[in-house]
């Protein structure tokens, strides 16, 4: 489809420590998915969505979108 796709992981450190997480990121990268950075939060920490870097998604896809213009 040639549509840029970006993901920003939002998970806690216990989830990020699971081997399936790293494997999933590797598979997504192989598929051409753009993956942003995110520092996992503490398990059972409430909230955090207000610190989610939404603007990073735009930064990730901007080069692909400008190339299409």
PDB file of N, CA and C in Angstrom:
ATOM      1  N   UNK A   1       0.819  -1.201   0.000  1.00  0.00           N
ATOM      2  CA  UNK A   1       0.000   0.000   0.000  1.00  0.00           C
ATOM      3  C   UNK A   1       0.855   1.254   0.000  1.00  0.00           C
ATOM      4  N   UNK A   2       2.105   1.136   0.360  1.00  0.00           N
ATOM      5  CA  UNK A   2       3.007   2.273   0.373  1.00  0.00           C
ATOM      6  C   UNK A   2       2.535   3.392   1.296  1.00  0.00           C
ATOM      7  N   UNK A   3       1.990   3.010   2.416  1.00  0.00           N
ATOM      8  CA  UNK A   3       1.564   3.976   3.429  1.00  0.00           C
ATOM      9  C   UNK A   3       2.505   3.825   4.613  1.00  0.00           C
ATOM     10  N   UNK A   4       3.168   4.923   5.008  1.00  0.00           N
ATOM     11  CA  UNK A   4       4.081   4.790   6.144  1.00  0.00           C
ATOM     12  C   UNK A   4       3.328   4.478   7.428  1.00  0.00           C
ATOM     13  N   UNK A   5       3.870   3.539   8.186  1.00  0.00           N
ATOM     14  CA  UNK A   5       3.272   3.145   9.454  1.00  0.00           C
ATOM     15  C   UNK A   5       4.331   3.313  10.537  1.00  0.00           C
ATOM     16  N   UNK A   6       3.946   3.992  11.611  1.00  0.00           N
ATOM     17  CA  UNK A   6       4.854   4.196  12.733  1.00  0.00           C
ATOM     18  C   UNK A   6       4.173   3.732  14.010  1.00  0.00           C
ATOM     19  N   UNK A   7       4.961   3.151  14.891  1.00  0.00           N
ATOM     20  CA  UNK A   7       4.445   2.748  16.201  1.00  0.00           C
ATOM     21  C   UNK A   7       5.363   3.299  17.278  1.00  0.00           C
ATOM     22  N   UNK A   8       4.766   3.646  18.387  1.00  0.00           N
ATOM     23  CA  UNK A   8       5.511   4.074  19.561  1.00  0.00           C
ATOM     24  C   UNK A   8       5.108   3.158  20.703  1.00  0.00           C
ATOM     25  N   UNK A   9       5.986   2.272  21.112  1.00  0.00           N
ATOM     26  CA  UNK A   9       5.642   1.357  22.189  1.00  0.00           C
ATOM     27  C   UNK A   9       5.252   2.108  23.467  1.00  0.00           C
ATOM     28  N   UNK A  10       4.262   1.610  24.159  1.00  0.00           N
ATOM     29  CA  UNK A  10       3.823   2.164  25.437  1.00  0.00           C
ATOM     30  C   UNK A  10       3.571   0.981  26.351  1.00  0.00           C
ATOM     31  N   UNK A  11       4.565   0.652  27.165  1.00  0.00           N
ATOM     32  CA  UNK A  11       4.477  -0.539  27.995  1.00  0.00           C
ATOM     33  C   UNK A  11       5.324  -0.359  29.239  1.00  0.00           C
ATOM     34  N   UNK A  12       5.130  -1.274  30.166  1.00  0.00           N
ATOM     35  CA  UNK A  12       5.925  -1.169  31.384  1.00  0.00           C
ATOM     36  C   UNK A  12       7.194  -2.010  31.257  1.00  0.00           C
ATOM     37  N   UNK A  13       8.082  -1.830  32.206  1.00  0.00           N
ATOM     38  CA  UNK A  13       9.390  -2.487  32.123  1.00  0.00           C
ATOM     39  C   UNK A  13       9.299  -4.010  32.215  1.00  0.00           C
ATOM     40  N   UNK A  14       8.302  -4.532  32.917  1.00  0.00           N
ATOM     41  CA  UNK A  14       8.128  -5.983  32.984  1.00  0.00           C
ATOM     42  C   UNK A  14       7.732  -6.535  31.609  1.00  0.00           C
ATOM     43  N   UNK A  15       6.844  -5.840  30.929  1.00  0.00           N
ATOM     44  CA  UNK A  15       6.458  -6.270  29.582  1.00  0.00           C
ATOM     45  C   UNK A  15       7.637  -6.161  28.626  1.00  0.00           C
ATOM     46  N   UNK A  16       8.382  -5.072  28.716  1.00  0.00           N
ATOM     47  CA  UNK A  16       9.521  -4.858  27.820  1.00  0.00           C
ATOM     48  C   UNK A  16      10.624  -5.891  28.032  1.00  0.00           C
ATOM     49  N   UNK A  17      10.700  -6.473  29.220  1.00  0.00           N
ATOM     50  CA  UNK A  17      11.730  -7.468  29.506  1.00  0.00           C
ATOM     51  C   UNK A  17      11.428  -8.829  28.881  1.00  0.00           C
ATOM     52  N   UNK A  18      10.202  -9.037  28.442  1.00  0.00           N
ATOM     53  CA  UNK A  18       9.827 -10.327  27.865  1.00  0.00           C
ATOM     54  C   UNK A  18      10.472 -10.486  26.484  1.00  0.00           C
ATOM     55  N   UNK A  19      11.038 -11.647  26.179  1.00  0.00           N
ATOM     56  CA  UNK A  19      11.692 -11.855  24.881  1.00  0.00           C
ATOM     57  C   UNK A  19      10.770 -11.612  23.691  1.00  0.00           C
ATOM     58  N   UNK A  20       9.491 -11.854  23.848  1.00  0.00           N
ATOM     59  CA  UNK A  20       8.562 -11.659  22.733  1.00  0.00           C
ATOM     60  C   UNK A  20       8.490 -10.199  22.311  1.00  0.00           C
ATOM     61  N   UNK A  21       8.723  -9.291  23.236  1.00  0.00           N
ATOM     62  CA  UNK A  21       8.698  -7.860  22.905  1.00  0.00           C
ATOM     63  C   UNK A  21       9.807  -7.535  21.914  1.00  0.00           C
ATOM     64  N   UNK A  22      11.024  -7.935  22.211  1.00  0.00           N
ATOM     65  CA  UNK A  22      12.140  -7.662  21.299  1.00  0.00           C
ATOM     66  C   UNK A  22      11.935  -8.363  19.965  1.00  0.00           C
ATOM     67  N   UNK A  23      11.422  -9.584  19.996  1.00  0.00           N
ATOM     68  CA  UNK A  23      11.158 -10.306  18.753  1.00  0.00           C
ATOM     69  C   UNK A  23      10.102  -9.594  17.921  1.00  0.00           C
ATOM     70  N   UNK A  24       9.091  -9.074  18.583  1.00  0.00           N
ATOM     71  CA  UNK A  24       8.026  -8.369  17.869  1.00  0.00           C
ATOM     72  C   UNK A  24       8.560  -7.099  17.220  1.00  0.00           C
ATOM     73  N   UNK A  25       9.392  -6.360  17.948  1.00  0.00           N
ATOM     74  CA  UNK A  25       9.981  -5.150  17.369  1.00  0.00           C
ATOM     75  C   UNK A  25      10.837  -5.492  16.150  1.00  0.00           C
ATOM     76  N   UNK A  26      11.608  -6.560  16.252  1.00  0.00           N
ATOM     77  CA  UNK A  26      12.454  -6.976  15.125  1.00  0.00           C
ATOM     78  C   UNK A  26      11.599  -7.350  13.918  1.00  0.00           C
ATOM     79  N   UNK A  27      10.520  -8.057  14.150  1.00  0.00           N
ATOM     80  CA  UNK A  27       9.648  -8.454  13.044  1.00  0.00           C
ATOM     81  C   UNK A  27       9.005  -7.229  12.398  1.00  0.00           C
ATOM     82  N   UNK A  28       8.555  -6.299  13.216  1.00  0.00           N
ATOM     83  CA  UNK A  28       7.953  -5.075  12.672  1.00  0.00           C
ATOM     84  C   UNK A  28       8.962  -4.291  11.837  1.00  0.00           C
ATOM     85  N   UNK A  29      10.192  -4.191  12.326  1.00  0.00           N
ATOM     86  CA  UNK A  29      11.228  -3.485  11.552  1.00  0.00           C
ATOM     87  C   UNK A  29      11.472  -4.181  10.209  1.00  0.00           C
ATOM     88  N   UNK A  30      11.490  -5.505  10.215  1.00  0.00           N
ATOM     89  CA  UNK A  30      11.669  -6.259   8.975  1.00  0.00           C
ATOM     90  C   UNK A  30      10.559  -5.956   7.976  1.00  0.00           C
ATOM     91  N   UNK A  31       9.385  -5.642   8.495  1.00  0.00           N
ATOM     92  CA  UNK A  31       8.231  -5.341   7.647  1.00  0.00           C
ATOM     93  C   UNK A  31       8.213  -3.880   7.193  1.00  0.00           C
ATOM     94  N   UNK A  32       9.201  -3.113   7.624  1.00  0.00           N
ATOM     95  CA  UNK A  32       9.271  -1.718   7.223  1.00  0.00           C
ATOM     96  C   UNK A  32       8.509  -0.757   8.129  1.00  0.00           C
ATOM     97  N   UNK A  33       8.052  -1.250   9.262  1.00  0.00           N
ATOM     98  CA  UNK A  33       7.343  -0.402  10.208  1.00  0.00           C
ATOM     99  C   UNK A  33       8.366   0.485  10.919  1.00  0.00           C
ATOM    100  N   UNK A  34       8.053   1.745  11.051  1.00  0.00           N
ATOM    101  CA  UNK A  34       8.916   2.692  11.744  1.00  0.00           C
ATOM    102  C   UNK A  34       8.606   2.618  13.234  1.00  0.00           C
ATOM    103  N   UNK A  35       9.629   2.461  14.051  1.00  0.00           N
ATOM    104  CA  UNK A  35       9.420   2.293  15.484  1.00  0.00           C
ATOM    105  C   UNK A  35      10.110   3.413  16.231  1.00  0.00           C
ATOM    106  N   UNK A  36       9.323   4.120  17.005  1.00  0.00           N
ATOM    107  CA  UNK A  36       9.849   5.216  17.799  1.00  0.00           C
ATOM    108  C   UNK A  36      10.426   4.715  19.104  1.00  0.00           C
ATOM    109  N   UNK A  37      10.925   5.641  19.858  1.00  0.00           N
ATOM    110  CA  UNK A  37      11.533   5.287  21.139  1.00  0.00           C
ATOM    111  C   UNK A  37      10.543   5.552  22.264  1.00  0.00           C
ATOM    112  N   UNK A  38      10.677   4.768  23.299  1.00  0.00           N
ATOM    113  CA  UNK A  38       9.872   5.005  24.488  1.00  0.00           C
ATOM    114  C   UNK A  38      10.535   4.311  25.657  1.00  0.00           C
ATOM    115  N   UNK A  39      10.680   5.019  26.740  1.00  0.00           N
ATOM    116  CA  UNK A  39      11.244   4.452  27.952  1.00  0.00           C
ATOM    117  C   UNK A  39      10.119   3.778  28.726  1.00  0.00           C
ATOM    118  N   UNK A  40      10.181   2.454  28.900  1.00  0.00           N
ATOM    119  CA  UNK A  40       9.117   1.767  29.630  1.00  0.00           C
ATOM    120  C   UNK A  40       8.932   2.345  31.032  1.00  0.00           C
ATOM    121  N   UNK A  41       7.690   2.390  31.467  1.00  0.00           N
ATOM    122  CA  UNK A  41       7.384   2.889  32.803  1.00  0.00           C
ATOM    123  C   UNK A  41       7.394   1.728  33.805  1.00  0.00           C
ATOM    124  N   UNK A  42       7.339   2.072  35.075  1.00  0.00           N
ATOM    125  CA  UNK A  42       7.313   1.055  36.133  1.00  0.00           C
ATOM    126  C   UNK A  42       6.022   0.243  36.046  1.00  0.00           C
ATOM    127  N   UNK A  43       6.089  -1.034  36.363  1.00  0.00           N
ATOM    128  CA  UNK A  43       4.860  -1.830  36.411  1.00  0.00           C
ATOM    129  C   UNK A  43       3.865  -1.222  37.404  1.00  0.00           C
ATOM    130  N   UNK A  44       2.620  -1.277  37.037  1.00  0.00           N
ATOM    131  CA  UNK A  44       1.502  -0.775  37.836  1.00  0.00           C
ATOM    132  C   UNK A  44       1.528   0.734  38.038  1.00  0.00           C
ATOM    133  N   UNK A  45       2.354   1.445  37.280  1.00  0.00           N
ATOM    134  CA  UNK A  45       2.341   2.910  37.345  1.00  0.00           C
ATOM    135  C   UNK A  45       1.090   3.387  36.620  1.00  0.00           C
ATOM    136  N   UNK A  46       0.402   4.284  37.212  1.00  0.00           N
ATOM    137  CA  UNK A  46      -0.846   4.789  36.634  1.00  0.00           C
ATOM    138  C   UNK A  46      -0.538   5.993  35.755  1.00  0.00           C
ATOM    139  N   UNK A  47      -1.237   6.090  34.644  1.00  0.00           N
ATOM    140  CA  UNK A  47      -1.092   7.246  33.775  1.00  0.00           C
ATOM    141  C   UNK A  47       0.115   7.150  32.873  1.00  0.00           C
ATOM    142  N   UNK A  48       0.578   8.280  32.448  1.00  0.00           N
ATOM    143  CA  UNK A  48       1.729   8.331  31.562  1.00  0.00           C
ATOM    144  C   UNK A  48       1.376   8.735  30.156  1.00  0.00           C
ATOM    145  N   UNK A  49       0.099   8.636  29.795  1.00  0.00           N
ATOM    146  CA  UNK A  49      -0.299   9.003  28.438  1.00  0.00           C
ATOM    147  C   UNK A  49      -0.021  10.477  28.159  1.00  0.00           C
ATOM    148  N   UNK A  50      -0.032  11.299  29.196  1.00  0.00           N
ATOM    149  CA  UNK A  50       0.255  12.714  29.013  1.00  0.00           C
ATOM    150  C   UNK A  50       1.720  12.950  28.642  1.00  0.00           C
ATOM    151  N   UNK A  51       2.579  11.983  28.909  1.00  0.00           N
ATOM    152  CA  UNK A  51       3.996  12.090  28.554  1.00  0.00           C
ATOM    153  C   UNK A  51       4.313  11.352  27.257  1.00  0.00           C
ATOM    154  N   UNK A  52       3.305  10.787  26.634  1.00  0.00           N
ATOM    155  CA  UNK A  52       3.496  10.025  25.397  1.00  0.00           C
ATOM    156  C   UNK A  52       3.884  10.981  24.275  1.00  0.00           C
ATOM    157  N   UNK A  53       4.985  10.730  23.578  1.00  0.00           N
ATOM    158  CA  UNK A  53       5.493  11.665  22.572  1.00  0.00           C
ATOM    159  C   UNK A  53       4.784  11.561  21.209  1.00  0.00           C
ATOM    160  N   UNK A  54       3.549  12.007  21.161  1.00  0.00           N
ATOM    161  CA  UNK A  54       2.773  11.917  19.918  1.00  0.00           C
ATOM    162  C   UNK A  54       3.490  12.569  18.743  1.00  0.00           C
ATOM    163  N   UNK A  55       4.192  13.666  18.989  1.00  0.00           N
ATOM    164  CA  UNK A  55       4.871  14.375  17.900  1.00  0.00           C
ATOM    165  C   UNK A  55       5.948  13.509  17.251  1.00  0.00           C
ATOM    166  N   UNK A  56       6.448  12.519  17.972  1.00  0.00           N
ATOM    167  CA  UNK A  56       7.466  11.644  17.396  1.00  0.00           C
ATOM    168  C   UNK A  56       6.918  10.846  16.214  1.00  0.00           C
ATOM    169  N   UNK A  57       5.642  10.507  16.252  1.00  0.00           N
ATOM    170  CA  UNK A  57       5.032   9.796  15.124  1.00  0.00           C
ATOM    171  C   UNK A  57       5.153  10.638  13.860  1.00  0.00           C
ATOM    172  N   UNK A  58       4.837  11.904  13.986  1.00  0.00           N
ATOM    173  CA  UNK A  58       4.927  12.796  12.828  1.00  0.00           C
ATOM    174  C   UNK A  58       6.359  12.904  12.333  1.00  0.00           C
ATOM    175  N   UNK A  59       7.300  12.963  13.258  1.00  0.00           N
ATOM    176  CA  UNK A  59       8.709  13.023  12.868  1.00  0.00           C
ATOM    177  C   UNK A  59       9.150  11.744  12.166  1.00  0.00           C
ATOM    178  N   UNK A  60       8.616  10.613  12.588  1.00  0.00           N
ATOM    179  CA  UNK A  60       8.983   9.337  11.966  1.00  0.00           C
ATOM    180  C   UNK A  60       8.456   9.227  10.536  1.00  0.00           C
ATOM    181  N   UNK A  61       7.234   9.656  10.317  1.00  0.00           N
ATOM    182  CA  UNK A  61       6.630   9.475   8.995  1.00  0.00           C
ATOM    183  C   UNK A  61       6.878  10.652   8.056  1.00  0.00           C
ATOM    184  N   UNK A  62       7.340  11.783   8.567  1.00  0.00           N
ATOM    185  CA  UNK A  62       7.532  12.984   7.730  1.00  0.00           C
ATOM    186  C   UNK A  62       8.398  12.722   6.496  1.00  0.00           C
ATOM    187  N   UNK A  63       9.556  12.065   6.630  1.00  0.00           N
ATOM    188  CA  UNK A  63      10.364  11.832   5.429  1.00  0.00           C
ATOM    189  C   UNK A  63       9.632  11.013   4.363  1.00  0.00           C
ATOM    190  N   UNK A  64       8.911  10.003   4.782  1.00  0.00           N
ATOM    191  CA  UNK A  64       8.176   9.164   3.816  1.00  0.00           C
ATOM    192  C   UNK A  64       7.048   9.957   3.157  1.00  0.00           C
ATOM    193  N   UNK A  65       6.392  10.790   3.932  1.00  0.00           N
ATOM    194  CA  UNK A  65       5.299  11.586   3.371  1.00  0.00           C
ATOM    195  C   UNK A  65       5.814  12.660   2.421  1.00  0.00           C
ATOM    196  N   UNK A  66       6.930  13.293   2.760  1.00  0.00           N
ATOM    197  CA  UNK A  66       7.469  14.331   1.883  1.00  0.00           C
ATOM    198  C   UNK A  66       8.018  13.726   0.588  1.00  0.00           C
ATOM    199  N   UNK A  67       8.505  12.496   0.641  1.00  0.00           N
ATOM    200  CA  UNK A  67       8.998  11.830  -0.552  1.00  0.00           C
ATOM    201  C   UNK A  67       7.864  11.517  -1.520  1.00  0.00           C
ATOM    202  N   UNK A  68       6.647  11.357  -0.986  1.00  0.00           N
ATOM    203  CA  UNK A  68       5.498  11.042  -1.811  1.00  0.00           C
ATOM    204  C   UNK A  68       4.917  12.274  -2.482  1.00  0.00           C
ATOM    205  N   UNK A  69       5.242  13.453  -1.949  1.00  0.00           N
ATOM    206  CA  UNK A  69       4.657  14.705  -2.470  1.00  0.00           C
ATOM    207  C   UNK A  69       5.252  15.115  -3.785  1.00  0.00           C
TER     208      UNK A  69
END
